[in-house]
Amino acid sequence: MRAATVPTMQAVRCVGGAPVVVDVPRPDGDGVRVRVGSAGICGSDLHLLSFGLPTVMGHEIAGTLLDGTAVAIEPIDPCGTCDACAAGESQRCVRGPGMIMGVGRDGGMAEECIVPSSSLARLPAGVAVRDACLVEPLAVAVHGVRRGRVAPGERAVVIGGGTIGLAAAVAAQAVGGRVDQVARHDHQRAAAERLGATAPDDGDGDGDGDYDVAIEAAGSPDALADAIARCRPGGRVILLGSYWDGPVALDAMAVCNREIDLVPATMYGRVGPSRDVDVAVALLARRPEVAGALITHRFPLDAVAEAFVAARDRAAGAIKVVLEP
């Protein structure tokens, strides 16, 4: 008898430290099948290449269900029963990194993926699937702004003009914050201006240390030091950046003397029935200009090598690079 042919699809995996399109078995098992329409390349994906993970890459995902329903994906599979999950803080689930799509389980840089039904976030009319991979980074920003208790009328400064930094500006504006943005590149500053964030007035060169909230979204020692310097006494510094390069020195004297609260944030959770990812969907629907400001490049899946090169070159104009399987 002839052996049954296993259905395959194209997906991106790390091969020899590089992103490569390979044929893999079409996903099967428990969960909901999603036909991927867009998958964003995150800065963490660039770093994860050095880990040589065996999973399909990608955690910024949107697509359609088999019945045509358009969805964004909250790319985690928490246990749902540990103390953290019971408290609505699924990002702290005991499953750890193993629950994250594109890290501990197959992600969405593929033609299809299977996700838990709890990961689905339905898209309203007017939000295109090709833009909705932005829901995940927006949810990261929503979560950080929520944890940092940004309030109407507060002055906030965002350090960093990448996707997370620009998303943080949008999330802070959504709760009534007045947002300035510090960005390294001209195209990032132009995107911030397009989204309504203004440049700080640094004419006196003293760091303008009177912001109620400083959001560190670059993940570097210099950015953290800048955030602390710009924060007023009694203010808050929200840590949204990912510190891939190891431990960061902290000016603890300045933090203690000025009683600055450091507020770490990772991924997304919920408050009661309200998920950060659902707030992000609503925010993208309310601010359609966000997609045009953040998404700078689009590539088909089979051009993944070129897409990752573009994503690495921030100076050449990249903010969010999107794969469209």
Protein backbone atom coordinates (compact mmCIF):
# COMPACT_ATOMS: atom_id res chain seq x y z
CA MET A 1 0.00 0.00 0.00
CA ARG A 2 1.18 3.52 -0.76
CA ALA A 3 1.78 5.62 2.35
CA ALA A 4 -0.62 8.52 2.84
CA THR A 5 0.81 11.88 1.87
CA VAL A 6 1.09 14.31 4.77
CA PRO A 7 -0.26 17.76 3.81
CA THR A 8 2.42 20.44 4.03
CA MET A 9 2.64 24.21 3.99
CA GLN A 10 5.32 26.88 3.92
CA ALA A 11 6.57 28.34 7.19
CA VAL A 12 9.56 30.27 8.53
CA ARG A 13 12.02 28.54 10.82
CA CYS A 14 15.51 29.38 12.01
CA VAL A 15 18.06 27.37 10.04
CA GLY A 16 21.70 28.01 10.82
CA GLY A 17 20.88 31.29 12.53
CA ALA A 18 18.88 32.64 9.59
CA PRO A 19 15.15 32.82 8.78
CA VAL A 20 14.35 30.28 6.08
CA VAL A 21 11.09 29.24 4.40
CA VAL A 22 10.67 25.48 4.73
CA ASP A 23 7.94 22.96 4.04
CA VAL A 24 6.42 21.70 7.28
CA PRO A 25 3.40 19.52 8.05
CA ARG A 26 0.19 21.49 8.03
CA PRO A 27 -0.72 22.07 11.71
CA ASP A 28 -3.14 19.71 13.37
CA GLY A 29 -4.45 19.06 16.86
CA ASP A 30 -6.54 20.93 19.42
CA GLY A 31 -7.42 24.56 18.80
CA VAL A 32 -8.73 26.79 16.04
CA ARG A 33 -7.21 26.89 12.57
CA VAL A 34 -6.23 30.36 11.34
CA ARG A 35 -5.24 31.22 7.79
CA VAL A 36 -2.52 33.79 8.37
CA GLY A 37 -2.96 37.10 6.59
CA SER A 38 -0.18 39.11 8.22
CA ALA A 39 2.73 38.40 10.53
CA GLY A 40 4.90 41.20 11.86
CA ILE A 41 8.64 40.92 12.44
CA CYS A 42 9.33 41.97 16.02
CA GLY A 43 12.70 43.08 17.33
CA SER A 44 12.63 39.99 19.53
CA ASP A 45 12.46 37.81 16.40
CA LEU A 46 15.79 39.26 15.30
CA HIS A 47 17.33 38.32 18.65
CA LEU A 48 15.68 34.90 18.79
CA LEU A 49 17.49 33.81 15.63
CA SER A 50 20.61 33.30 17.74
CA PHE A 51 18.70 30.85 19.97
CA GLY A 52 18.07 28.42 17.10
CA LEU A 53 14.58 27.53 18.34
CA PRO A 54 12.95 24.60 16.51
CA THR A 55 9.51 26.24 16.29
CA VAL A 56 7.86 28.19 13.49
CA MET A 57 8.65 31.85 14.12
CA GLY A 58 6.29 34.76 14.69
CA HIS A 59 4.01 36.06 17.42
CA GLU A 60 2.47 39.15 15.77
CA ILE A 61 -0.35 37.46 13.88
CA ALA A 62 -3.69 38.15 12.23
CA GLY A 63 -5.75 36.10 9.80
CA THR A 64 -9.09 34.52 9.08
CA LEU A 65 -10.90 31.50 10.44
CA LEU A 66 -12.24 28.83 8.10
CA ASP A 67 -15.63 30.58 8.15
CA GLY A 68 -14.05 33.86 7.05
CA THR A 69 -14.09 35.59 10.43
CA ALA A 70 -11.21 38.08 10.67
CA VAL A 71 -9.15 37.84 13.86
CA ALA A 72 -6.01 39.03 15.56
CA ILE A 73 -4.20 36.61 17.83
CA GLU A 74 -3.14 36.93 21.45
CA PRO A 75 -0.19 34.58 20.92
CA ILE A 76 -0.10 32.78 24.25
CA ASP A 77 -1.51 29.53 25.60
CA PRO A 78 -1.61 29.97 29.39
CA CYS A 79 -2.73 27.15 31.66
CA GLY A 80 -5.73 29.13 32.91
CA THR A 81 -5.59 27.58 36.38
CA CYS A 82 -2.45 28.82 38.17
CA ASP A 83 -2.65 31.73 40.63
CA ALA A 84 -1.44 34.22 38.01
CA CYS A 85 -4.02 33.12 35.44
CA ALA A 86 -6.79 33.20 38.06
CA ALA A 87 -5.84 36.80 38.84
CA GLY A 88 -6.05 37.78 35.15
CA GLU A 89 -2.28 38.01 34.81
CA SER A 90 -1.81 35.27 32.22
CA GLN A 91 1.49 36.81 31.13
CA ARG A 92 2.90 35.46 34.42
CA CYS A 93 1.55 31.92 33.89
CA VAL A 94 3.66 29.08 35.28
CA ARG A 95 4.06 27.78 31.72
CA GLY A 96 6.53 30.61 31.10
CA PRO A 97 8.05 31.10 27.64
CA GLY A 98 6.79 27.69 26.57
CA MET A 99 3.29 29.14 26.16
CA ILE A 100 4.36 31.83 23.68
CA MET A 101 3.74 31.27 19.98
CA GLY A 102 6.95 31.59 17.99
CA VAL A 103 8.99 30.67 21.05
CA GLY A 104 7.76 27.58 22.89
CA ARG A 105 5.18 26.57 20.29
CA ASP A 106 4.76 27.16 16.57
CA GLY A 107 4.04 30.73 15.59
CA GLY A 108 2.40 32.56 12.74
CA MET A 109 5.05 33.13 10.06
CA ALA A 110 3.31 30.45 8.06
CA GLU A 111 0.38 29.85 5.80
CA GLU A 112 -1.66 28.56 8.73
CA CYS A 113 -1.46 28.15 12.47
CA ILE A 114 -3.56 26.56 15.18
CA VAL A 115 -4.28 28.64 18.27
CA PRO A 116 -6.36 28.19 21.42
CA SER A 117 -9.86 29.60 21.10
CA SER A 118 -8.97 31.87 24.03
CA SER A 119 -6.36 33.57 21.82
CA LEU A 120 -8.85 34.92 19.28
CA ALA A 121 -9.67 38.62 19.11
CA ARG A 122 -12.34 39.31 16.52
CA LEU A 123 -11.67 42.27 14.23
CA PRO A 124 -14.42 44.83 13.65
CA ALA A 125 -15.34 46.07 10.21
CA GLY A 126 -12.78 48.58 9.01
CA VAL A 127 -9.72 46.85 10.48
CA ALA A 128 -7.90 45.00 7.70
CA VAL A 129 -6.29 41.65 8.41
CA ARG A 130 -3.15 42.84 6.62
CA ASP A 131 -2.78 45.57 9.28
CA ALA A 132 -4.01 43.65 12.31
CA CYS A 133 -0.67 42.02 13.19
CA LEU A 134 -0.19 45.42 14.90
CA VAL A 135 -2.71 44.37 17.55
CA GLU A 136 -0.04 42.41 19.42
CA PRO A 137 2.48 45.28 19.87
CA LEU A 138 -0.41 47.64 20.61
CA ALA A 139 -1.53 45.24 23.34
CA VAL A 140 1.98 45.34 24.83
CA ALA A 141 1.72 49.13 24.96
CA VAL A 142 -1.83 49.09 26.36
CA HIS A 143 -0.67 46.74 29.12
CA GLY A 144 2.30 48.94 30.03
CA VAL A 145 0.23 52.12 30.08
CA ARG A 146 -2.36 50.39 32.26
CA ARG A 147 0.25 49.13 34.70
CA GLY A 148 1.86 52.57 34.77
CA ARG A 149 -1.47 54.19 35.68
CA VAL A 150 -1.21 56.91 33.04
CA ALA A 151 -4.05 59.34 33.75
CA PRO A 152 -5.84 62.08 31.78
CA GLY A 153 -3.84 65.27 31.58
CA GLU A 154 -0.55 63.75 32.65
CA ARG A 155 2.62 64.62 30.74
CA ALA A 156 4.25 61.52 29.31
CA VAL A 157 7.46 61.11 27.35
CA VAL A 158 8.25 57.99 25.32
CA ILE A 159 11.90 57.10 24.81
CA GLY A 160 12.22 55.16 21.55
CA GLY A 161 10.63 55.51 18.13
CA GLY A 162 10.25 51.88 17.11
CA THR A 163 6.97 49.98 16.93
CA ILE A 164 6.58 49.61 20.70
CA GLY A 165 7.50 53.24 21.36
CA LEU A 166 5.03 54.56 18.80
CA ALA A 167 2.37 52.15 20.05
CA ALA A 168 3.03 53.41 23.58
CA ALA A 169 2.42 56.97 22.44
CA VAL A 170 -0.92 55.93 20.95
CA ALA A 171 -1.90 53.98 24.09
CA ALA A 172 -0.99 56.87 26.38
CA GLN A 173 -2.97 59.30 24.23
CA ALA A 174 -5.96 56.96 24.41
CA VAL A 175 -6.20 57.43 28.19
CA GLY A 176 -5.76 61.20 27.97
CA GLY A 177 -2.00 61.58 28.31
CA ARG A 178 -0.12 64.43 26.62
CA VAL A 179 2.72 62.71 24.85
CA ASP A 180 6.19 63.77 23.75
CA GLN A 181 8.39 61.30 21.85
CA VAL A 182 12.17 60.90 21.74
CA ALA A 183 13.25 59.06 18.58
CA ARG A 184 16.62 58.43 16.97
CA HIS A 185 15.74 58.57 13.26
CA ASP A 186 13.96 61.15 11.12
CA HIS A 187 11.38 58.70 9.82
CA GLN A 188 10.52 57.70 13.41
CA ARG A 189 10.06 61.32 14.39
CA ALA A 190 7.86 61.84 11.33
CA ALA A 191 5.70 58.85 12.35
CA ALA A 192 5.42 60.19 15.90
CA GLU A 193 4.31 63.58 14.59
CA ARG A 194 1.77 61.90 12.33
CA LEU A 195 0.34 60.18 15.41
CA GLY A 196 0.12 63.41 17.40
CA ALA A 197 3.19 63.06 19.61
CA THR A 198 5.43 66.10 19.87
CA ALA A 199 9.18 66.46 20.30
CA PRO A 200 10.42 67.42 23.79
CA ASP A 201 11.78 70.91 24.27
CA ASP A 202 15.38 70.11 25.20
CA GLY A 203 16.68 73.62 24.66
CA ASP A 204 18.15 73.88 28.14
CA GLY A 205 19.83 70.47 27.82
CA ASP A 206 18.84 69.36 31.33
CA GLY A 207 16.64 66.42 30.28
CA ASP A 208 13.37 68.27 31.08
CA GLY A 209 12.90 66.27 34.30
CA ASP A 210 9.27 67.16 34.92
CA TYR A 211 7.29 64.44 33.16
CA ASP A 212 4.72 62.57 35.21
CA VAL A 213 5.49 59.39 33.28
CA ALA A 214 8.46 58.29 31.19
CA ILE A 215 8.01 55.19 29.03
CA GLU A 216 11.27 53.44 28.17
CA ALA A 217 10.65 51.58 24.90
CA ALA A 218 14.15 51.20 23.45
CA GLY A 219 15.66 48.60 25.78
CA SER A 220 19.06 50.22 26.17
CA PRO A 221 21.03 51.57 29.16
CA ASP A 222 21.08 55.06 27.65
CA ALA A 223 17.31 55.03 27.11
CA LEU A 224 16.69 53.96 30.70
CA ALA A 225 18.98 56.67 32.03
CA ASP A 226 17.19 59.23 29.84
CA ALA A 227 13.78 58.07 31.09
CA ILE A 228 14.86 58.45 34.70
CA ALA A 229 16.36 61.89 34.03
CA ARG A 230 13.18 63.15 32.37
CA CYS A 231 10.84 61.91 35.12
CA ARG A 232 9.71 64.32 37.84
CA PRO A 233 10.16 63.50 41.54
CA GLY A 234 7.43 61.06 42.50
CA GLY A 235 6.79 60.12 38.88
CA ARG A 236 6.85 56.73 37.16
CA VAL A 237 9.13 55.07 34.64
CA ILE A 238 7.40 52.31 32.67
CA LEU A 239 9.78 49.65 31.38
CA LEU A 240 8.52 48.41 28.00
CA GLY A 241 11.91 47.82 26.39
CA SER A 242 13.46 44.34 26.22
CA TYR A 243 17.00 44.22 27.59
CA TRP A 244 18.49 41.55 25.35
CA ASP A 245 22.08 42.59 25.97
CA GLY A 246 22.08 41.64 29.62
CA PRO A 247 22.03 43.49 32.97
CA VAL A 248 21.66 47.26 32.89
CA ALA A 249 23.30 49.63 35.39
CA LEU A 250 20.77 51.81 37.21
CA ASP A 251 21.28 55.20 38.87
CA ALA A 252 19.68 53.96 42.07
CA MET A 253 20.61 57.16 43.93
CA ALA A 254 18.57 59.28 41.50
CA VAL A 255 15.65 56.84 41.61
CA CYS A 256 15.62 56.74 45.42
CA ASN A 257 16.26 60.43 46.08
CA ARG A 258 13.45 61.43 43.71
CA GLU A 259 11.19 58.50 44.71
CA ILE A 260 10.58 57.42 41.13
CA ASP A 261 8.47 54.30 40.70
CA LEU A 262 9.85 51.72 38.25
CA VAL A 263 6.96 49.85 36.61
CA PRO A 264 7.96 46.76 34.59
CA ALA A 265 5.55 45.39 32.01
CA THR A 266 5.58 42.34 29.78
CA MET A 267 3.10 41.04 27.24
CA TYR A 268 -0.59 41.49 28.07
CA GLY A 269 -3.23 40.49 30.61
CA ARG A 270 -6.73 41.52 31.53
CA VAL A 271 -8.78 43.47 34.04
CA GLY A 272 -11.91 41.47 34.72
CA PRO A 273 -13.37 40.56 31.31
CA SER A 274 -11.40 43.29 29.50
CA ARG A 275 -8.30 41.93 27.78
CA ASP A 276 -5.46 44.23 26.79
CA VAL A 277 -5.62 42.64 23.34
CA ASP A 278 -9.28 43.64 22.94
CA VAL A 279 -8.47 47.21 23.95
CA ALA A 280 -5.72 47.14 21.31
CA VAL A 281 -8.19 46.00 18.64
CA ALA A 282 -10.54 48.85 19.54
CA LEU A 283 -7.66 51.30 19.49
CA LEU A 284 -6.58 50.20 15.99
CA ALA A 285 -10.18 50.56 14.81
CA ARG A 286 -10.43 54.06 16.30
CA ARG A 287 -7.06 55.19 14.95
CA PRO A 288 -6.80 53.85 11.37
CA GLU A 289 -3.82 56.13 10.72
CA VAL A 290 -1.73 53.97 13.07
CA ALA A 291 -1.21 51.28 10.43
CA GLY A 292 -0.02 53.77 7.85
CA ALA A 293 2.41 55.34 10.30
CA LEU A 294 3.90 52.10 11.65
CA ILE A 295 3.92 49.64 8.73
CA THR A 296 6.76 50.65 6.42
CA HIS A 297 7.46 47.41 4.52
CA ARG A 298 5.46 44.40 3.31
CA PHE A 299 6.92 41.19 1.87
CA PRO A 300 5.55 37.84 0.74
CA LEU A 301 6.52 34.88 2.90
CA ASP A 302 9.08 33.59 0.41
CA ALA A 303 11.00 36.88 0.70
CA VAL A 304 11.57 36.39 4.42
CA ALA A 305 15.37 36.79 4.19
CA GLU A 306 14.97 40.19 2.54
CA ALA A 307 12.28 41.13 5.06
CA PHE A 308 14.55 40.41 8.03
CA VAL A 309 17.34 42.46 6.45
CA ALA A 310 14.93 45.38 6.13
CA ALA A 311 13.73 44.95 9.71
CA ARG A 312 17.29 45.14 11.03
CA ASP A 313 18.08 48.38 9.20
CA ARG A 314 16.21 50.98 11.24
CA ALA A 315 18.34 53.77 9.83
CA ALA A 316 17.08 52.96 6.32
CA GLY A 317 13.46 53.62 7.22
CA ALA A 318 12.00 50.45 8.72
CA ILE A 319 9.54 50.61 11.58
CA LYS A 320 7.25 47.59 11.21
CA VAL A 321 8.02 45.02 8.54
CA VAL A 322 5.14 42.67 7.75
CA LEU A 323 5.06 39.27 6.07
CA GLU A 324 1.96 38.42 4.07
CA PRO A 325 1.74 34.63 3.54
